[in-house]
Every structure is written in C-alpha cells, then in structure tokens.
C-alpha cells in the first residue's frame, strides 16, 4: 500500500481501519484505470483523493462510532471529490473481496454492527 502521513487524529481504531479500506479501494481503482503496473505509486489525481479522504476522516465527528460512508448522515466529501470517491467505491467495492478479503469482510461486518447499534 502507498504510504500516507500519519495524522495524530487518526488514532481511533475505526478511523484507522476506514482509512486503510479507502486507501485500498483507491489503489485498486488507480491500478486498473490510471497506473499500468501493480507496484506503481498512485497517480497524482488518486494521491490527491487519498489526501482529501485522510483529511476528512481525521475530522470525522463520529470517531469510533463512524458508520460506513453510504450510511452516514454527514457527507464529508464535496465536489469534485464526492463524485470521484463515489466512482472509486462503486468500482473497487466488489473487487475488494478478491484483493483485500479481510478488509472487505471486516468493513461489511462493522458496517452492519454500526447500523444495528444506531437503531
């Protein structure tokens, strides 16, 4: 995975896990759409998107109780990042089971747990 600056606000486990998942999704998308080699770094556009996602996650008001983005009542991303992250998630989500099965399963389990907890 690509390296990103370790933000002190990302210490809660839920935020760190969410960042790792988003980072994996962006890498899958970039590798299949922008970067020809699987070992290559992210392209500048995807690097910028990852930096924006890191910033937004660091400011998440839910911290440990953060739901999955699609279930969140606060939409952190603004255009043009909103449409880009949606495209990345739509493409990479199903492929996460192949490339990162543990992250994908954990994301689905935690997503269901948080949704049920809110009811």
C-alpha atoms as a PDB file:
ATOM      1  CA  UNK A   1       0.000   0.000   0.000  1.00  0.00           C
ATOM      2  CA  UNK A   2       1.088   3.548  -0.515  1.00  0.00           C
ATOM      3  CA  UNK A   3       2.371   5.478   2.431  1.00  0.00           C
ATOM      4  CA  UNK A   4       0.395   8.359   3.794  1.00  0.00           C
ATOM      5  CA  UNK A   5       1.288  10.829   6.538  1.00  0.00           C
ATOM      6  CA  UNK A   6       0.290   9.529   9.967  1.00  0.00           C
ATOM      7  CA  UNK A   7      -2.146  12.072  11.261  1.00  0.00           C
ATOM      8  CA  UNK A   8      -2.461  12.092  15.075  1.00  0.00           C
ATOM      9  CA  UNK A   9      -6.241  12.454  14.686  1.00  0.00           C
ATOM     10  CA  UNK A  10      -6.382   9.004  13.077  1.00  0.00           C
ATOM     11  CA  UNK A  11      -5.555   7.140  16.281  1.00  0.00           C
ATOM     12  CA  UNK A  12      -9.038   5.662  16.908  1.00  0.00           C
ATOM     13  CA  UNK A  13      -9.233   2.155  15.533  1.00  0.00           C
ATOM     14  CA  UNK A  14     -12.382   2.766  13.498  1.00  0.00           C
ATOM     15  CA  UNK A  15     -10.917   5.764  11.690  1.00  0.00           C
ATOM     16  CA  UNK A  16      -7.611   3.993  11.010  1.00  0.00           C
ATOM     17  CA  UNK A  17      -9.478   0.941   9.695  1.00  0.00           C
ATOM     18  CA  UNK A  18     -11.676   3.121   7.480  1.00  0.00           C
ATOM     19  CA  UNK A  19      -8.613   4.911   6.108  1.00  0.00           C
ATOM     20  CA  UNK A  20      -6.927   1.596   5.316  1.00  0.00           C
ATOM     21  CA  UNK A  21     -10.065   0.447   3.492  1.00  0.00           C
ATOM     22  CA  UNK A  22     -10.411   3.683   1.484  1.00  0.00           C
ATOM     23  CA  UNK A  23      -6.720   3.585   0.646  1.00  0.00           C
ATOM     24  CA  UNK A  24      -7.047   0.003  -0.650  1.00  0.00           C
ATOM     25  CA  UNK A  25     -10.080   0.985  -2.744  1.00  0.00           C
ATOM     26  CA  UNK A  26      -8.263   3.958  -4.272  1.00  0.00           C
ATOM     27  CA  UNK A  27      -5.254   1.755  -5.053  1.00  0.00           C
ATOM     28  CA  UNK A  28      -7.427  -0.833  -6.819  1.00  0.00           C
ATOM     29  CA  UNK A  29      -9.166   1.867  -8.842  1.00  0.00           C
ATOM     30  CA  UNK A  30      -5.921   3.649  -9.754  1.00  0.00           C
ATOM     31  CA  UNK A  31      -4.140   0.422 -10.697  1.00  0.00           C
ATOM     32  CA  UNK A  32      -6.993  -0.537 -13.059  1.00  0.00           C
ATOM     33  CA  UNK A  33      -7.676   2.912 -14.520  1.00  0.00           C
ATOM     34  CA  UNK A  34      -4.519   5.034 -14.343  1.00  0.00           C
ATOM     35  CA  UNK A  35      -1.382   3.111 -13.410  1.00  0.00           C
ATOM     36  CA  UNK A  36      -0.198   0.273 -15.646  1.00  0.00           C
ATOM     37  CA  UNK A  37       1.963  -1.525 -13.041  1.00  0.00           C
ATOM     38  CA  UNK A  38       0.576  -3.079  -9.839  1.00  0.00           C
ATOM     39  CA  UNK A  39       3.682  -1.907  -7.941  1.00  0.00           C
ATOM     40  CA  UNK A  40       3.479   1.697  -9.130  1.00  0.00           C
ATOM     41  CA  UNK A  41       2.598   4.600  -6.898  1.00  0.00           C
ATOM     42  CA  UNK A  42      -0.780   6.278  -7.111  1.00  0.00           C
ATOM     43  CA  UNK A  43      -1.248   8.778  -9.909  1.00  0.00           C
ATOM     44  CA  UNK A  44      -1.427  12.467  -8.867  1.00  0.00           C
ATOM     45  CA  UNK A  45      -5.248  12.556  -9.029  1.00  0.00           C
ATOM     46  CA  UNK A  46      -5.643   9.479  -6.822  1.00  0.00           C
ATOM     47  CA  UNK A  47      -2.957  10.759  -4.436  1.00  0.00           C
ATOM     48  CA  UNK A  48      -4.947  13.976  -4.086  1.00  0.00           C
ATOM     49  CA  UNK A  49      -8.143  11.984  -3.466  1.00  0.00           C
ATOM     50  CA  UNK A  50      -6.408   9.890  -0.778  1.00  0.00           C
ATOM     51  CA  UNK A  51      -5.088  13.043   0.893  1.00  0.00           C
ATOM     52  CA  UNK A  52      -8.596  14.520   0.897  1.00  0.00           C
ATOM     53  CA  UNK A  53     -10.040  11.286   2.336  1.00  0.00           C
ATOM     54  CA  UNK A  54      -7.374  11.300   5.061  1.00  0.00           C
ATOM     55  CA  UNK A  55      -8.233  14.891   5.950  1.00  0.00           C
ATOM     56  CA  UNK A  56     -11.981  14.207   6.026  1.00  0.00           C
ATOM     57  CA  UNK A  57     -11.558  11.073   8.158  1.00  0.00           C
ATOM     58  CA  UNK A  58      -9.309  12.925  10.600  1.00  0.00           C
ATOM     59  CA  UNK A  59     -12.155  15.400  11.189  1.00  0.00           C
ATOM     60  CA  UNK A  60     -14.929  12.819  11.491  1.00  0.00           C
ATOM     61  CA  UNK A  61     -17.191  13.766  14.426  1.00  0.00           C
ATOM     62  CA  UNK A  62     -18.251  10.121  14.951  1.00  0.00           C
ATOM     63  CA  UNK A  63     -14.717   8.780  15.631  1.00  0.00           C
ATOM     64  CA  UNK A  64     -15.132   5.209  16.993  1.00  0.00           C
ATOM     65  CA  UNK A  65     -18.818   5.056  16.008  1.00  0.00           C
ATOM     66  CA  UNK A  66     -18.232   6.068  12.420  1.00  0.00           C
ATOM     67  CA  UNK A  67     -20.663   4.312  10.070  1.00  0.00           C
ATOM     68  CA  UNK A  68     -19.790   3.336   6.513  1.00  0.00           C
ATOM     69  CA  UNK A  69     -19.911   6.340   4.189  1.00  0.00           C
ATOM     70  CA  UNK A  70     -23.106   5.206   2.478  1.00  0.00           C
ATOM     71  CA  UNK A  71     -24.883   5.009   5.866  1.00  0.00           C
ATOM     72  CA  UNK A  72     -23.532   8.262   7.249  1.00  0.00           C
ATOM     73  CA  UNK A  73     -25.843  11.212   7.726  1.00  0.00           C
ATOM     74  CA  UNK A  74     -22.963  13.680   7.290  1.00  0.00           C
ATOM     75  CA  UNK A  75     -21.478  13.684   3.802  1.00  0.00           C
ATOM     76  CA  UNK A  76     -17.870  14.784   4.195  1.00  0.00           C
ATOM     77  CA  UNK A  77     -16.847  14.919   0.573  1.00  0.00           C
ATOM     78  CA  UNK A  78     -17.595  17.956  -1.568  1.00  0.00           C
ATOM     79  CA  UNK A  79     -17.373  18.138  -5.345  1.00  0.00           C
ATOM     80  CA  UNK A  80     -15.234  17.193  -7.212  1.00  0.00           C
ATOM     81  CA  UNK A  81     -14.095  14.685  -4.560  1.00  0.00           C
ATOM     82  CA  UNK A  82     -17.626  13.433  -3.876  1.00  0.00           C
ATOM     83  CA  UNK A  83     -18.188  12.129  -7.402  1.00  0.00           C
ATOM     84  CA  UNK A  84     -14.622  10.764  -7.597  1.00  0.00           C
ATOM     85  CA  UNK A  85     -14.814   8.828  -4.318  1.00  0.00           C
ATOM     86  CA  UNK A  86     -18.244   7.503  -5.279  1.00  0.00           C
ATOM     87  CA  UNK A  87     -16.819   6.246  -8.592  1.00  0.00           C
ATOM     88  CA  UNK A  88     -13.848   4.667  -6.793  1.00  0.00           C
ATOM     89  CA  UNK A  89     -16.077   2.945  -4.233  1.00  0.00           C
ATOM     90  CA  UNK A  90     -18.532   1.722  -6.851  1.00  0.00           C
ATOM     91  CA  UNK A  91     -15.713   0.187  -8.899  1.00  0.00           C
ATOM     92  CA  UNK A  92     -13.489  -1.089  -6.084  1.00  0.00           C
ATOM     93  CA  UNK A  93     -16.125  -2.272  -3.614  1.00  0.00           C
ATOM     94  CA  UNK A  94     -16.910  -5.582  -5.338  1.00  0.00           C
ATOM     95  CA  UNK A  95     -13.229  -6.138  -6.154  1.00  0.00           C
ATOM     96  CA  UNK A  96     -12.186  -5.736  -2.511  1.00  0.00           C
ATOM     97  CA  UNK A  97     -13.217  -9.355  -1.867  1.00  0.00           C
ATOM     98  CA  UNK A  98     -10.581 -10.504  -4.367  1.00  0.00           C
ATOM     99  CA  UNK A  99      -7.780  -8.089  -3.491  1.00  0.00           C
ATOM    100  CA  UNK A 100      -8.345  -7.495   0.234  1.00  0.00           C
ATOM    101  CA  UNK A 101     -10.805 -10.102   1.541  1.00  0.00           C
ATOM    102  CA  UNK A 102     -10.094  -9.445   5.224  1.00  0.00           C
ATOM    103  CA  UNK A 103     -10.645  -5.683   4.881  1.00  0.00           C
ATOM    104  CA  UNK A 104     -13.775  -6.224   2.802  1.00  0.00           C
ATOM    105  CA  UNK A 105     -15.354  -8.693   5.232  1.00  0.00           C
ATOM    106  CA  UNK A 106     -14.435  -6.592   8.235  1.00  0.00           C
ATOM    107  CA  UNK A 107     -15.885  -3.493   6.577  1.00  0.00           C
ATOM    108  CA  UNK A 108     -19.176  -5.292   5.904  1.00  0.00           C
ATOM    109  CA  UNK A 109     -19.381  -6.690   9.445  1.00  0.00           C
ATOM    110  CA  UNK A 110     -18.585  -3.370  11.105  1.00  0.00           C
ATOM    111  CA  UNK A 111     -20.996  -1.576   8.773  1.00  0.00           C
ATOM    112  CA  UNK A 112     -23.837  -3.881   9.848  1.00  0.00           C
ATOM    113  CA  UNK A 113     -22.863  -3.596  13.521  1.00  0.00           C
ATOM    114  CA  UNK A 114     -22.901   0.217  13.460  1.00  0.00           C
ATOM    115  CA  UNK A 115     -26.242   0.337  11.585  1.00  0.00           C
ATOM    116  CA  UNK A 116     -27.854  -2.008  14.137  1.00  0.00           C
ATOM    117  CA  UNK A 117     -26.315  -0.080  17.023  1.00  0.00           C
ATOM    118  CA  UNK A 118     -27.955   3.150  15.800  1.00  0.00           C
ATOM    119  CA  UNK A 119     -31.457   1.602  15.750  1.00  0.00           C
END
